[in-house]
Amino acid sequence: MNELIVILYLCLFAVSSVLVIVYLAKVHSFFDYLKDNDPKTWENLGRPHLFFNNTPVTGIRFIRFLYKKEYLALADSVAREKAITVKALLTAGFVGIVILFGVFAIIFVGVFPKGS
């Protein structure tokens, strides 16, 4: 049983790693797209950039923009689709982290008794 859980954890970790890379690429693409095609929204979000202007305030604005569905007010359908994709990846990442921590607890903290 424990070997199966370890294999599950390693698979989840690998999938999560790929998910993070894809998410970062999509966020970077979205920020660049907004900067070039909707500078007003880009300014309202705090001129976000993946690395250089990545402050807590900018991050909170961006998450609020995604989860309050403010992107639906954008006139540009490409920007809306990019926002939907980024939101889906972010949500999947949050769920993945919760699952990884749960499996981690099972493996290393010993939620299951030995011999199960």
PDB file of N, CA and C in Angstrom:
ATOM      1  N   MET A   1       0.830  -1.199   0.000  1.00  0.00           N
ATOM      2  CA  MET A   1       0.000   0.000   0.000  1.00  0.00           C
ATOM      3  C   MET A   1       0.861   1.245   0.000  1.00  0.00           C
ATOM      4  N   ASN A   2       1.891   1.288   0.856  1.00  0.00           N
ATOM      5  CA  ASN A   2       2.745   2.469   0.950  1.00  0.00           C
ATOM      6  C   ASN A   2       3.494   2.727  -0.354  1.00  0.00           C
ATOM      7  N   GLU A   3       3.931   1.657  -1.038  1.00  0.00           N
ATOM      8  CA  GLU A   3       4.635   1.832  -2.306  1.00  0.00           C
ATOM      9  C   GLU A   3       3.721   2.480  -3.340  1.00  0.00           C
ATOM     10  N   LEU A   4       2.469   2.085  -3.344  1.00  0.00           N
ATOM     11  CA  LEU A   4       1.499   2.660  -4.274  1.00  0.00           C
ATOM     12  C   LEU A   4       1.293   4.152  -3.992  1.00  0.00           C
ATOM     13  N   ILE A   5       1.250   4.502  -2.730  1.00  0.00           N
ATOM     14  CA  ILE A   5       1.060   5.910  -2.360  1.00  0.00           C
ATOM     15  C   ILE A   5       2.286   6.726  -2.764  1.00  0.00           C
ATOM     16  N   VAL A   6       3.481   6.164  -2.603  1.00  0.00           N
ATOM     17  CA  VAL A   6       4.701   6.866  -3.003  1.00  0.00           C
ATOM     18  C   VAL A   6       4.720   7.064  -4.514  1.00  0.00           C
ATOM     19  N   ILE A   7       4.348   6.055  -5.254  1.00  0.00           N
ATOM     20  CA  ILE A   7       4.277   6.178  -6.717  1.00  0.00           C
ATOM     21  C   ILE A   7       3.248   7.236  -7.105  1.00  0.00           C
ATOM     22  N   LEU A   8       2.108   7.241  -6.448  1.00  0.00           N
ATOM     23  CA  LEU A   8       1.081   8.250  -6.698  1.00  0.00           C
ATOM     24  C   LEU A   8       1.630   9.647  -6.424  1.00  0.00           C
ATOM     25  N   TYR A   9       2.338   9.785  -5.322  1.00  0.00           N
ATOM     26  CA  TYR A   9       2.923  11.085  -4.968  1.00  0.00           C
ATOM     27  C   TYR A   9       3.906  11.546  -6.033  1.00  0.00           C
ATOM     28  N   LEU A  10       4.781  10.667  -6.479  1.00  0.00           N
ATOM     29  CA  LEU A  10       5.768  11.032  -7.489  1.00  0.00           C
ATOM     30  C   LEU A  10       5.102  11.414  -8.809  1.00  0.00           C
ATOM     31  N   CYS A  11       4.056  10.701  -9.181  1.00  0.00           N
ATOM     32  CA  CYS A  11       3.313  11.044 -10.400  1.00  0.00           C
ATOM     33  C   CYS A  11       2.638  12.403 -10.258  1.00  0.00           C
ATOM     34  N   LEU A  12       2.004  12.640  -9.127  1.00  0.00           N
ATOM     35  CA  LEU A  12       1.370  13.935  -8.886  1.00  0.00           C
ATOM     36  C   LEU A  12       2.388  15.063  -8.889  1.00  0.00           C
ATOM     37  N   PHE A  13       3.560  14.796  -8.314  1.00  0.00           N
ATOM     38  CA  PHE A  13       4.615  15.805  -8.294  1.00  0.00           C
ATOM     39  C   PHE A  13       5.083  16.126  -9.710  1.00  0.00           C
ATOM     40  N   ALA A  14       5.247  15.105 -10.537  1.00  0.00           N
ATOM     41  CA  ALA A  14       5.678  15.316 -11.925  1.00  0.00           C
ATOM     42  C   ALA A  14       4.632  16.106 -12.703  1.00  0.00           C
ATOM     43  N   VAL A  15       3.367  15.733 -12.551  1.00  0.00           N
ATOM     44  CA  VAL A  15       2.291  16.441 -13.243  1.00  0.00           C
ATOM     45  C   VAL A  15       2.215  17.888 -12.751  1.00  0.00           C
ATOM     46  N   SER A  16       2.361  18.097 -11.469  1.00  0.00           N
ATOM     47  CA  SER A  16       2.327  19.451 -10.910  1.00  0.00           C
ATOM     48  C   SER A  16       3.485  20.294 -11.428  1.00  0.00           C
ATOM     49  N   SER A  17       4.642  19.688 -11.576  1.00  0.00           N
ATOM     50  CA  SER A  17       5.801  20.415 -12.099  1.00  0.00           C
ATOM     51  C   SER A  17       5.561  20.895 -13.518  1.00  0.00           C
ATOM     52  N   VAL A  18       5.009  20.026 -14.340  1.00  0.00           N
ATOM     53  CA  VAL A  18       4.679  20.410 -15.717  1.00  0.00           C
ATOM     54  C   VAL A  18       3.600  21.494 -15.705  1.00  0.00           C
ATOM     55  N   LEU A  19       2.624  21.339 -14.839  1.00  0.00           N
ATOM     56  CA  LEU A  19       1.534  22.318 -14.733  1.00  0.00           C
ATOM     57  C   LEU A  19       2.069  23.703 -14.374  1.00  0.00           C
ATOM     58  N   VAL A  20       3.025  23.768 -13.483  1.00  0.00           N
ATOM     59  CA  VAL A  20       3.609  25.050 -13.089  1.00  0.00           C
ATOM     60  C   VAL A  20       4.310  25.706 -14.272  1.00  0.00           C
ATOM     61  N   ILE A  21       5.053  24.937 -15.030  1.00  0.00           N
ATOM     62  CA  ILE A  21       5.759  25.488 -16.189  1.00  0.00           C
ATOM     63  C   ILE A  21       4.769  26.005 -17.220  1.00  0.00           C
ATOM     64  N   VAL A  22       3.728  25.231 -17.497  1.00  0.00           N
ATOM     65  CA  VAL A  22       2.707  25.669 -18.453  1.00  0.00           C
ATOM     66  C   VAL A  22       1.990  26.915 -17.941  1.00  0.00           C
ATOM     67  N   TYR A  23       1.660  26.928 -16.649  1.00  0.00           N
ATOM     68  CA  TYR A  23       0.991  28.092 -16.053  1.00  0.00           C
ATOM     69  C   TYR A  23       1.850  29.345 -16.200  1.00  0.00           C
ATOM     70  N   LEU A  24       3.115  29.258 -15.860  1.00  0.00           N
ATOM     71  CA  LEU A  24       3.991  30.428 -15.956  1.00  0.00           C
ATOM     72  C   LEU A  24       4.102  30.926 -17.397  1.00  0.00           C
ATOM     73  N   ALA A  25       4.188  30.011 -18.347  1.00  0.00           N
ATOM     74  CA  ALA A  25       4.247  30.412 -19.762  1.00  0.00           C
ATOM     75  C   ALA A  25       2.958  31.107 -20.182  1.00  0.00           C
ATOM     76  N   LYS A  26       1.812  30.576 -19.755  1.00  0.00           N
ATOM     77  CA  LYS A  26       0.522  31.169 -20.121  1.00  0.00           C
ATOM     78  C   LYS A  26       0.320  32.534 -19.457  1.00  0.00           C
ATOM     79  N   VAL A  27       0.741  32.673 -18.205  1.00  0.00           N
ATOM     80  CA  VAL A  27       0.633  33.963 -17.518  1.00  0.00           C
ATOM     81  C   VAL A  27       1.506  34.995 -18.219  1.00  0.00           C
ATOM     82  N   HIS A  28       2.722  34.614 -18.561  1.00  0.00           N
ATOM     83  CA  HIS A  28       3.618  35.524 -19.265  1.00  0.00           C
ATOM     84  C   HIS A  28       3.004  35.960 -20.603  1.00  0.00           C
ATOM     85  N   SER A  29       2.464  35.002 -21.326  1.00  0.00           N
ATOM     86  CA  SER A  29       1.806  35.301 -22.602  1.00  0.00           C
ATOM     87  C   SER A  29       0.608  36.234 -22.406  1.00  0.00           C
ATOM     88  N   PHE A  30      -0.171  35.992 -21.356  1.00  0.00           N
ATOM     89  CA  PHE A  30      -1.345  36.823 -21.069  1.00  0.00           C
ATOM     90  C   PHE A  30      -0.932  38.253 -20.718  1.00  0.00           C
ATOM     91  N   PHE A  31       0.061  38.396 -19.868  1.00  0.00           N
ATOM     92  CA  PHE A  31       0.527  39.739 -19.497  1.00  0.00           C
ATOM     93  C   PHE A  31       1.056  40.497 -20.717  1.00  0.00           C
ATOM     94  N   ASP A  32       1.833  39.817 -21.549  1.00  0.00           N
ATOM     95  CA  ASP A  32       2.340  40.465 -22.766  1.00  0.00           C
ATOM     96  C   ASP A  32       1.202  40.852 -23.700  1.00  0.00           C
ATOM     97  N   TYR A  33       0.215  39.976 -23.810  1.00  0.00           N
ATOM     98  CA  TYR A  33      -0.928  40.266 -24.678  1.00  0.00           C
ATOM     99  C   TYR A  33      -1.688  41.488 -24.166  1.00  0.00           C
ATOM    100  N   LEU A  34      -1.939  41.535 -22.863  1.00  0.00           N
ATOM    101  CA  LEU A  34      -2.635  42.692 -22.299  1.00  0.00           C
ATOM    102  C   LEU A  34      -1.831  43.971 -22.493  1.00  0.00           C
ATOM    103  N   LYS A  35      -0.546  43.900 -22.276  1.00  0.00           N
ATOM    104  CA  LYS A  35       0.304  45.077 -22.429  1.00  0.00           C
ATOM    105  C   LYS A  35       0.223  45.630 -23.847  1.00  0.00           C
ATOM    106  N   ASP A  36       0.202  44.751 -24.838  1.00  0.00           N
ATOM    107  CA  ASP A  36       0.184  45.172 -26.240  1.00  0.00           C
ATOM    108  C   ASP A  36      -1.210  45.511 -26.749  1.00  0.00           C
ATOM    109  N   ASN A  37      -2.249  44.819 -26.266  1.00  0.00           N
ATOM    110  CA  ASN A  37      -3.578  44.937 -26.859  1.00  0.00           C
ATOM    111  C   ASN A  37      -4.627  45.597 -25.971  1.00  0.00           C
ATOM    112  N   ASP A  38      -4.387  45.636 -24.676  1.00  0.00           N
ATOM    113  CA  ASP A  38      -5.331  46.282 -23.763  1.00  0.00           C
ATOM    114  C   ASP A  38      -4.544  46.964 -22.639  1.00  0.00           C
ATOM    115  N   PRO A  39      -3.813  48.024 -22.995  1.00  0.00           N
ATOM    116  CA  PRO A  39      -2.944  48.665 -22.004  1.00  0.00           C
ATOM    117  C   PRO A  39      -3.687  49.230 -20.793  1.00  0.00           C
ATOM    118  N   LYS A  40      -4.941  49.613 -20.971  1.00  0.00           N
ATOM    119  CA  LYS A  40      -5.705  50.145 -19.837  1.00  0.00           C
ATOM    120  C   LYS A  40      -5.901  49.058 -18.769  1.00  0.00           C
ATOM    121  N   THR A  41      -6.307  47.872 -19.180  1.00  0.00           N
ATOM    122  CA  THR A  41      -6.472  46.757 -18.239  1.00  0.00           C
ATOM    123  C   THR A  41      -5.129  46.395 -17.621  1.00  0.00           C
ATOM    124  N   TRP A  42      -4.088  46.382 -18.438  1.00  0.00           N
ATOM    125  CA  TRP A  42      -2.744  46.063 -17.956  1.00  0.00           C
ATOM    126  C   TRP A  42      -2.318  47.059 -16.882  1.00  0.00           C
ATOM    127  N   GLU A  43      -2.602  48.342 -17.113  1.00  0.00           N
ATOM    128  CA  GLU A  43      -2.295  49.387 -16.119  1.00  0.00           C
ATOM    129  C   GLU A  43      -3.130  49.184 -14.850  1.00  0.00           C
ATOM    130  N   ASN A  44      -4.418  48.876 -15.016  1.00  0.00           N
ATOM    131  CA  ASN A  44      -5.303  48.672 -13.858  1.00  0.00           C
ATOM    132  C   ASN A  44      -4.860  47.498 -12.995  1.00  0.00           C
ATOM    133  N   LEU A  45      -4.232  46.521 -13.608  1.00  0.00           N
ATOM    134  CA  LEU A  45      -3.730  45.361 -12.860  1.00  0.00           C
ATOM    135  C   LEU A  45      -2.394  45.668 -12.175  1.00  0.00           C
ATOM    136  N   GLY A  46      -1.858  46.852 -12.413  1.00  0.00           N
ATOM    137  CA  GLY A  46      -0.604  47.230 -11.768  1.00  0.00           C
ATOM    138  C   GLY A  46       0.614  46.994 -12.640  1.00  0.00           C
ATOM    139  N   ARG A  47       0.413  46.947 -13.947  1.00  0.00           N
ATOM    140  CA  ARG A  47       1.499  46.705 -14.907  1.00  0.00           C
ATOM    141  C   ARG A  47       2.240  45.405 -14.576  1.00  0.00           C
ATOM    142  N   PRO A  48       1.494  44.306 -14.502  1.00  0.00           N
ATOM    143  CA  PRO A  48       2.106  43.046 -14.062  1.00  0.00           C
ATOM    144  C   PRO A  48       3.120  42.496 -15.048  1.00  0.00           C
ATOM    145  N   HIS A  49       4.092  41.842 -14.502  1.00  0.00           N
ATOM    146  CA  HIS A  49       5.098  41.116 -15.274  1.00  0.00           C
ATOM    147  C   HIS A  49       5.407  39.860 -14.472  1.00  0.00           C
ATOM    148  N   LEU A  50       5.807  38.837 -15.156  1.00  0.00           N
ATOM    149  CA  LEU A  50       6.033  37.559 -14.481  1.00  0.00           C
ATOM    150  C   LEU A  50       7.115  37.656 -13.410  1.00  0.00           C
ATOM    151  N   PHE A  51       8.165  38.449 -13.659  1.00  0.00           N
ATOM    152  CA  PHE A  51       9.262  38.516 -12.699  1.00  0.00           C
ATOM    153  C   PHE A  51       9.519  39.923 -12.157  1.00  0.00           C
ATOM    154  N   PHE A  52       9.496  40.932 -13.015  1.00  0.00           N
ATOM    155  CA  PHE A  52       9.988  42.255 -12.624  1.00  0.00           C
ATOM    156  C   PHE A  52       9.025  43.057 -11.770  1.00  0.00           C
ATOM    157  N   ASN A  53       7.748  42.997 -12.021  1.00  0.00           N
ATOM    158  CA  ASN A  53       6.786  43.751 -11.206  1.00  0.00           C
ATOM    159  C   ASN A  53       5.816  42.769 -10.563  1.00  0.00           C
ATOM    160  N   ASN A  54       6.355  41.785  -9.918  1.00  0.00           N
ATOM    161  CA  ASN A  54       5.551  40.733  -9.314  1.00  0.00           C
ATOM    162  C   ASN A  54       5.466  40.993  -7.809  1.00  0.00           C
ATOM    163  N   THR A  55       4.651  41.977  -7.445  1.00  0.00           N
ATOM    164  CA  THR A  55       4.495  42.347  -6.041  1.00  0.00           C
ATOM    165  C   THR A  55       3.235  41.695  -5.477  1.00  0.00           C
ATOM    166  N   PRO A  56       3.100  41.639  -4.158  1.00  0.00           N
ATOM    167  CA  PRO A  56       1.865  41.097  -3.576  1.00  0.00           C
ATOM    168  C   PRO A  56       0.613  41.862  -4.043  1.00  0.00           C
ATOM    169  N   VAL A  57       0.711  43.173  -4.152  1.00  0.00           N
ATOM    170  CA  VAL A  57      -0.448  43.965  -4.587  1.00  0.00           C
ATOM    171  C   VAL A  57      -0.846  43.597  -6.012  1.00  0.00           C
ATOM    172  N   THR A  58       0.134  43.487  -6.889  1.00  0.00           N
ATOM    173  CA  THR A  58      -0.147  43.113  -8.278  1.00  0.00           C
ATOM    174  C   THR A  58      -0.730  41.697  -8.340  1.00  0.00           C
ATOM    175  N   GLY A  59      -0.166  40.786  -7.553  1.00  0.00           N
ATOM    176  CA  GLY A  59      -0.677  39.412  -7.533  1.00  0.00           C
ATOM    177  C   GLY A  59      -2.113  39.335  -7.052  1.00  0.00           C
ATOM    178  N   ILE A  60      -2.432  40.088  -6.010  1.00  0.00           N
ATOM    179  CA  ILE A  60      -3.805  40.099  -5.492  1.00  0.00           C
ATOM    180  C   ILE A  60      -4.758  40.700  -6.518  1.00  0.00           C
ATOM    181  N   ARG A  61      -4.331  41.771  -7.172  1.00  0.00           N
ATOM    182  CA  ARG A  61      -5.178  42.363  -8.229  1.00  0.00           C
ATOM    183  C   ARG A  61      -5.445  41.361  -9.338  1.00  0.00           C
ATOM    184  N   PHE A  62      -4.402  40.630  -9.718  1.00  0.00           N
ATOM    185  CA  PHE A  62      -4.544  39.665 -10.799  1.00  0.00           C
ATOM    186  C   PHE A  62      -5.468  38.514 -10.402  1.00  0.00           C
ATOM    187  N   ILE A  63      -5.300  37.994  -9.200  1.00  0.00           N
ATOM    188  CA  ILE A  63      -6.174  36.904  -8.737  1.00  0.00           C
ATOM    189  C   ILE A  63      -7.613  37.395  -8.615  1.00  0.00           C
ATOM    190  N   ARG A  64      -7.803  38.601  -8.112  1.00  0.00           N
ATOM    191  CA  ARG A  64      -9.142  39.173  -8.021  1.00  0.00           C
ATOM    192  C   ARG A  64      -9.747  39.327  -9.430  1.00  0.00           C
ATOM    193  N   PHE A  65      -8.941  39.788 -10.370  1.00  0.00           N
ATOM    194  CA  PHE A  65      -9.366  39.940 -11.759  1.00  0.00           C
ATOM    195  C   PHE A  65      -9.868  38.606 -12.322  1.00  0.00           C
ATOM    196  N   LEU A  66      -9.146  37.531 -11.991  1.00  0.00           N
ATOM    197  CA  LEU A  66      -9.537  36.210 -12.500  1.00  0.00           C
ATOM    198  C   LEU A  66     -10.768  35.654 -11.794  1.00  0.00           C
ATOM    199  N   TYR A  67     -10.769  35.686 -10.463  1.00  0.00           N
ATOM    200  CA  TYR A  67     -11.826  34.998  -9.720  1.00  0.00           C
ATOM    201  C   TYR A  67     -13.103  35.814  -9.557  1.00  0.00           C
ATOM    202  N   LYS A  68     -13.034  37.119  -9.780  1.00  0.00           N
ATOM    203  CA  LYS A  68     -14.264  37.906  -9.818  1.00  0.00           C
ATOM    204  C   LYS A  68     -14.797  38.016 -11.242  1.00  0.00           C
ATOM    205  N   LYS A  69     -14.126  37.313 -12.148  1.00  0.00           N
ATOM    206  CA  LYS A  69     -14.503  37.238 -13.564  1.00  0.00           C
ATOM    207  C   LYS A  69     -14.547  38.618 -14.221  1.00  0.00           C
ATOM    208  N   GLU A  70     -13.663  39.502 -13.807  1.00  0.00           N
ATOM    209  CA  GLU A  70     -13.586  40.822 -14.420  1.00  0.00           C
ATOM    210  C   GLU A  70     -13.141  40.739 -15.872  1.00  0.00           C
ATOM    211  N   TYR A  71     -12.468  39.659 -16.241  1.00  0.00           N
ATOM    212  CA  TYR A  71     -12.016  39.471 -17.611  1.00  0.00           C
ATOM    213  C   TYR A  71     -13.187  39.353 -18.587  1.00  0.00           C
ATOM    214  N   LEU A  72     -14.381  39.007 -18.085  1.00  0.00           N
ATOM    215  CA  LEU A  72     -15.547  38.891 -18.972  1.00  0.00           C
ATOM    216  C   LEU A  72     -15.962  40.238 -19.539  1.00  0.00           C
ATOM    217  N   ALA A  73     -15.545  41.327 -18.886  1.00  0.00           N
ATOM    218  CA  ALA A  73     -15.876  42.664 -19.371  1.00  0.00           C
ATOM    219  C   ALA A  73     -14.943  43.115 -20.497  1.00  0.00           C
ATOM    220  N   LEU A  74     -13.893  42.360 -20.760  1.00  0.00           N
ATOM    221  CA  LEU A  74     -12.971  42.740 -21.826  1.00  0.00           C
ATOM    222  C   LEU A  74     -13.633  42.578 -23.185  1.00  0.00           C
ATOM    223  N   ALA A  75     -13.390  43.534 -24.057  1.00  0.00           N
ATOM    224  CA  ALA A  75     -13.974  43.478 -25.402  1.00  0.00           C
ATOM    225  C   ALA A  75     -13.247  42.469 -26.294  1.00  0.00           C
ATOM    226  N   ASP A  76     -12.017  42.163 -25.954  1.00  0.00           N
ATOM    227  CA  ASP A  76     -11.167  41.292 -26.753  1.00  0.00           C
ATOM    228  C   ASP A  76     -11.411  39.826 -26.375  1.00  0.00           C
ATOM    229  N   SER A  77     -11.907  39.051 -27.316  1.00  0.00           N
ATOM    230  CA  SER A  77     -12.216  37.644 -27.037  1.00  0.00           C
ATOM    231  C   SER A  77     -10.950  36.820 -26.806  1.00  0.00           C
ATOM    232  N   VAL A  78      -9.853  37.188 -27.441  1.00  0.00           N
ATOM    233  CA  VAL A  78      -8.595  36.460 -27.232  1.00  0.00           C
ATOM    234  C   VAL A  78      -8.118  36.653 -25.788  1.00  0.00           C
ATOM    235  N   ALA A  79      -8.213  37.875 -25.287  1.00  0.00           N
ATOM    236  CA  ALA A  79      -7.823  38.155 -23.902  1.00  0.00           C
ATOM    237  C   ALA A  79      -8.706  37.384 -22.934  1.00  0.00           C
ATOM    238  N   ARG A  80      -9.999  37.320 -23.229  1.00  0.00           N
ATOM    239  CA  ARG A  80     -10.912  36.549 -22.358  1.00  0.00           C
ATOM    240  C   ARG A  80     -10.524  35.076 -22.334  1.00  0.00           C
ATOM    241  N   GLU A  81     -10.237  34.521 -23.502  1.00  0.00           N
ATOM    242  CA  GLU A  81      -9.859  33.103 -23.575  1.00  0.00           C
ATOM    243  C   GLU A  81      -8.548  32.842 -22.840  1.00  0.00           C
ATOM    244  N   LYS A  82      -7.595  33.753 -22.992  1.00  0.00           N
ATOM    245  CA  LYS A  82      -6.330  33.593 -22.274  1.00  0.00           C
ATOM    246  C   LYS A  82      -6.556  33.651 -20.762  1.00  0.00           C
ATOM    247  N   ALA A  83      -7.426  34.553 -20.312  1.00  0.00           N
ATOM    248  CA  ALA A  83      -7.735  34.669 -18.882  1.00  0.00           C
ATOM    249  C   ALA A  83      -8.415  33.401 -18.367  1.00  0.00           C
ATOM    250  N   ILE A  84      -9.321  32.856 -19.144  1.00  0.00           N
ATOM    251  CA  ILE A  84     -10.003  31.619 -18.748  1.00  0.00           C
ATOM    252  C   ILE A  84      -8.992  30.474 -18.619  1.00  0.00           C
ATOM    253  N   THR A  85      -8.058  30.400 -19.557  1.00  0.00           N
ATOM    254  CA  THR A  85      -7.034  29.358 -19.514  1.00  0.00           C
ATOM    255  C   THR A  85      -6.152  29.509 -18.278  1.00  0.00           C
ATOM    256  N   VAL A  86      -5.709  30.745 -18.009  1.00  0.00           N
ATOM    257  CA  VAL A  86      -4.859  30.999 -16.848  1.00  0.00           C
ATOM    258  C   VAL A  86      -5.606  30.672 -15.560  1.00  0.00           C
ATOM    259  N   LYS A  87      -6.882  31.053 -15.489  1.00  0.00           N
ATOM    260  CA  LYS A  87      -7.674  30.764 -14.296  1.00  0.00           C
ATOM    261  C   LYS A  87      -7.825  29.252 -14.088  1.00  0.00           C
ATOM    262  N   ALA A  88      -8.060  28.514 -15.161  1.00  0.00           N
ATOM    263  CA  ALA A  88      -8.190  27.059 -15.055  1.00  0.00           C
ATOM    264  C   ALA A  88      -6.884  26.426 -14.571  1.00  0.00           C
ATOM    265  N   LEU A  89      -5.764  26.898 -15.106  1.00  0.00           N
ATOM    266  CA  LEU A  89      -4.468  26.364 -14.681  1.00  0.00           C
ATOM    267  C   LEU A  89      -4.175  26.714 -13.218  1.00  0.00           C
ATOM    268  N   LEU A  90      -4.517  27.940 -12.815  1.00  0.00           N
ATOM    269  CA  LEU A  90      -4.302  28.350 -11.432  1.00  0.00           C
ATOM    270  C   LEU A  90      -5.154  27.514 -10.479  1.00  0.00           C
ATOM    271  N   THR A  91      -6.400  27.292 -10.841  1.00  0.00           N
ATOM    272  CA  THR A  91      -7.296  26.475 -10.019  1.00  0.00           C
ATOM    273  C   THR A  91      -6.781  25.038  -9.930  1.00  0.00           C
ATOM    274  N   ALA A  92      -6.357  24.503 -11.063  1.00  0.00           N
ATOM    275  CA  ALA A  92      -5.801  23.142 -11.063  1.00  0.00           C
ATOM    276  C   ALA A  92      -4.553  23.075 -10.188  1.00  0.00           C
ATOM    277  N   GLY A  93      -3.752  24.128 -10.220  1.00  0.00           N
ATOM    278  CA  GLY A  93      -2.560  24.174  -9.376  1.00  0.00           C
ATOM    279  C   GLY A  93      -2.903  24.190  -7.896  1.00  0.00           C
ATOM    280  N   PHE A  94      -3.903  24.986  -7.517  1.00  0.00           N
ATOM    281  CA  PHE A  94      -4.333  25.014  -6.113  1.00  0.00           C
ATOM    282  C   PHE A  94      -4.826  23.639  -5.673  1.00  0.00           C
ATOM    283  N   VAL A  95      -5.651  23.013  -6.483  1.00  0.00           N
ATOM    284  CA  VAL A  95      -6.171  21.686  -6.149  1.00  0.00           C
ATOM    285  C   VAL A  95      -5.021  20.677  -6.074  1.00  0.00           C
ATOM    286  N   GLY A  96      -4.088  20.774  -7.011  1.00  0.00           N
ATOM    287  CA  GLY A  96      -2.945  19.870  -7.018  1.00  0.00           C
ATOM    288  C   GLY A  96      -2.095  19.996  -5.769  1.00  0.00           C
ATOM    289  N   ILE A  97      -1.894  21.230  -5.305  1.00  0.00           N
ATOM    290  CA  ILE A  97      -1.098  21.437  -4.088  1.00  0.00           C
ATOM    291  C   ILE A  97      -1.796  20.815  -2.883  1.00  0.00           C
ATOM    292  N   VAL A  98      -3.100  20.981  -2.804  1.00  0.00           N
ATOM    293  CA  VAL A  98      -3.849  20.383  -1.684  1.00  0.00           C
ATOM    294  C   VAL A  98      -3.712  18.863  -1.718  1.00  0.00           C
ATOM    295  N   ILE A  99      -3.844  18.291  -2.887  1.00  0.00           N
ATOM    296  CA  ILE A  99      -3.713  16.833  -3.019  1.00  0.00           C
ATOM    297  C   ILE A  99      -2.294  16.386  -2.667  1.00  0.00           C
ATOM    298  N   LEU A 100      -1.288  17.119  -3.165  1.00  0.00           N
ATOM    299  CA  LEU A 100       0.100  16.758  -2.855  1.00  0.00           C
ATOM    300  C   LEU A 100       0.375  16.803  -1.356  1.00  0.00           C
ATOM    301  N   PHE A 101      -0.115  17.841  -0.685  1.00  0.00           N
ATOM    302  CA  PHE A 101       0.091  17.910   0.763  1.00  0.00           C
ATOM    303  C   PHE A 101      -0.654  16.786   1.484  1.00  0.00           C
ATOM    304  N   GLY A 102      -1.828  16.423   0.985  1.00  0.00           N
ATOM    305  CA  GLY A 102      -2.563  15.309   1.586  1.00  0.00           C
ATOM    306  C   GLY A 102      -1.819  14.003   1.435  1.00  0.00           C
ATOM    307  N   VAL A 103      -1.310  13.747   0.244  1.00  0.00           N
ATOM    308  CA  VAL A 103      -0.549  12.514   0.017  1.00  0.00           C
ATOM    309  C   VAL A 103       0.763  12.558   0.809  1.00  0.00           C
ATOM    310  N   PHE A 104       1.380  13.730   0.864  1.00  0.00           N
ATOM    311  CA  PHE A 104       2.602  13.881   1.661  1.00  0.00           C
ATOM    312  C   PHE A 104       2.340  13.524   3.126  1.00  0.00           C
ATOM    313  N   ALA A 105       1.211  13.988   3.642  1.00  0.00           N
ATOM    314  CA  ALA A 105       0.850  13.677   5.037  1.00  0.00           C
ATOM    315  C   ALA A 105       0.667  12.176   5.218  1.00  0.00           C
ATOM    316  N   ILE A 106       0.050  11.549   4.243  1.00  0.00           N
ATOM    317  CA  ILE A 106      -0.161  10.101   4.326  1.00  0.00           C
ATOM    318  C   ILE A 106       1.177   9.362   4.343  1.00  0.00           C
ATOM    319  N   ILE A 107       2.114   9.794   3.499  1.00  0.00           N
ATOM    320  CA  ILE A 107       3.397   9.094   3.389  1.00  0.00           C
ATOM    321  C   ILE A 107       4.283   9.344   4.597  1.00  0.00           C
ATOM    322  N   PHE A 108       4.497  10.606   4.922  1.00  0.00           N
ATOM    323  CA  PHE A 108       5.544  10.945   5.873  1.00  0.00           C
ATOM    324  C   PHE A 108       5.077  11.160   7.302  1.00  0.00           C
ATOM    325  N   VAL A 109       3.856  11.557   7.482  1.00  0.00           N
ATOM    326  CA  VAL A 109       3.357  11.769   8.837  1.00  0.00           C
ATOM    327  C   VAL A 109       2.746  10.488   9.355  1.00  0.00           C
ATOM    328  N   GLY A 110       2.346   9.616   8.472  1.00  0.00           N
ATOM    329  CA  GLY A 110       1.821   8.323   8.884  1.00  0.00           C
ATOM    330  C   GLY A 110       0.363   8.371   9.277  1.00  0.00           C
ATOM    331  N   VAL A 111      -0.449   8.919   8.405  1.00  0.00           N
ATOM    332  CA  VAL A 111      -1.884   8.950   8.681  1.00  0.00           C
ATOM    333  C   VAL A 111      -2.408   7.521   8.779  1.00  0.00           C
ATOM    334  N   PHE A 112      -1.877   6.636   7.941  1.00  0.00           N
ATOM    335  CA  PHE A 112      -2.254   5.237   8.013  1.00  0.00           C
ATOM    336  C   PHE A 112      -1.311   4.513   8.968  1.00  0.00           C
ATOM    337  N   PRO A 113      -1.826   3.586   9.749  1.00  0.00           N
ATOM    338  CA  PRO A 113      -0.936   2.808  10.627  1.00  0.00           C
ATOM    339  C   PRO A 113      -0.006   1.922   9.810  1.00  0.00           C
ATOM    340  N   LYS A 114       1.140   1.601  10.362  1.00  0.00           N
ATOM    341  CA  LYS A 114       2.100   0.724   9.686  1.00  0.00           C
ATOM    342  C   LYS A 114       1.467  -0.628   9.422  1.00  0.00           C
ATOM    343  N   GLY A 115       1.743  -1.149   8.219  1.00  0.00           N
ATOM    344  CA  GLY A 115       1.224  -2.452   7.847  1.00  0.00           C
ATOM    345  C   GLY A 115      -0.077  -2.387   7.074  1.00  0.00           C
ATOM    346  N   SER A 116      -0.621  -1.216   6.879  1.00  0.00           N
ATOM    347  CA  SER A 116      -1.868  -1.091   6.108  1.00  0.00           C
ATOM    348  C   SER A 116      -1.589  -1.088   4.638  1.00  0.00           C
TER     349      SER A 116
END
